[in-house]
Amino acid sequence: MYRIPEEDRKVFLEYLAKKPYIEVAGLVARIAAWTKIESKEKNGKDKTQ
């Protein structure tokens, strides 16, 4: 499964907000259900040893 960054999610929703509701209602519901990407520490602690 793909995980989408919050910034990309916002871009999708901004684009769809400009379209007629009846055409995008299903897509908006799906995008709203996307989960956030959990941020990982970048100091090497997330590496497996």
Protein backbone atom coordinates (compact mmCIF):
# COMPACT_ATOMS: atom_id res chain seq x y z
CA MET A 1 0.00 0.00 0.00
CA TYR A 2 1.18 3.50 -0.76
CA ARG A 3 1.36 6.22 1.86
CA ILE A 4 0.79 9.77 0.69
CA PRO A 5 2.45 12.81 2.31
CA GLU A 6 0.06 15.32 3.91
CA GLU A 7 1.15 17.99 1.41
CA ASP A 8 0.09 15.83 -1.56
CA ARG A 9 -3.21 15.01 0.14
CA LYS A 10 -3.93 18.73 0.50
CA VAL A 11 -3.10 19.35 -3.17
CA PHE A 12 -5.54 16.62 -4.24
CA LEU A 13 -8.29 18.04 -2.05
CA GLU A 14 -7.69 21.61 -3.29
CA TYR A 15 -7.95 20.43 -6.88
CA LEU A 16 -11.10 18.41 -6.26
CA ALA A 17 -12.72 21.32 -4.40
CA LYS A 18 -12.86 23.18 -7.73
CA LYS A 19 -14.84 20.38 -9.41
CA PRO A 20 -18.59 19.71 -9.22
CA TYR A 21 -19.45 17.89 -5.98
CA ILE A 22 -21.33 15.05 -7.65
CA GLU A 23 -18.25 14.14 -9.71
CA VAL A 24 -15.75 14.06 -6.84
CA ALA A 25 -17.70 13.07 -3.71
CA GLY A 26 -16.46 9.46 -3.81
CA LEU A 27 -12.85 10.49 -4.35
CA VAL A 28 -12.96 13.04 -1.54
CA ALA A 29 -14.27 10.37 0.83
CA ARG A 30 -11.43 8.03 -0.13
CA ILE A 31 -8.78 10.73 0.26
CA ALA A 32 -10.20 11.71 3.65
CA ALA A 33 -9.65 8.11 4.79
CA TRP A 34 -5.92 8.15 3.92
CA THR A 35 -3.64 7.81 6.92
CA LYS A 36 -0.73 10.11 7.71
CA ILE A 37 2.86 9.01 7.21
CA GLU A 38 4.56 8.50 10.53
CA SER A 39 7.71 10.60 10.66
CA LYS A 40 10.89 8.67 11.36
CA GLU A 41 13.93 10.03 13.09
CA LYS A 42 16.69 10.87 10.65
CA ASN A 43 19.57 10.28 13.01
CA GLY A 44 19.94 6.60 12.19
CA LYS A 45 17.84 5.16 15.01
CA ASP A 46 15.27 3.82 12.54
CA LYS A 47 17.83 1.59 10.80
CA THR A 48 17.78 -2.12 11.47
CA GLN A 49 20.96 -3.59 12.85
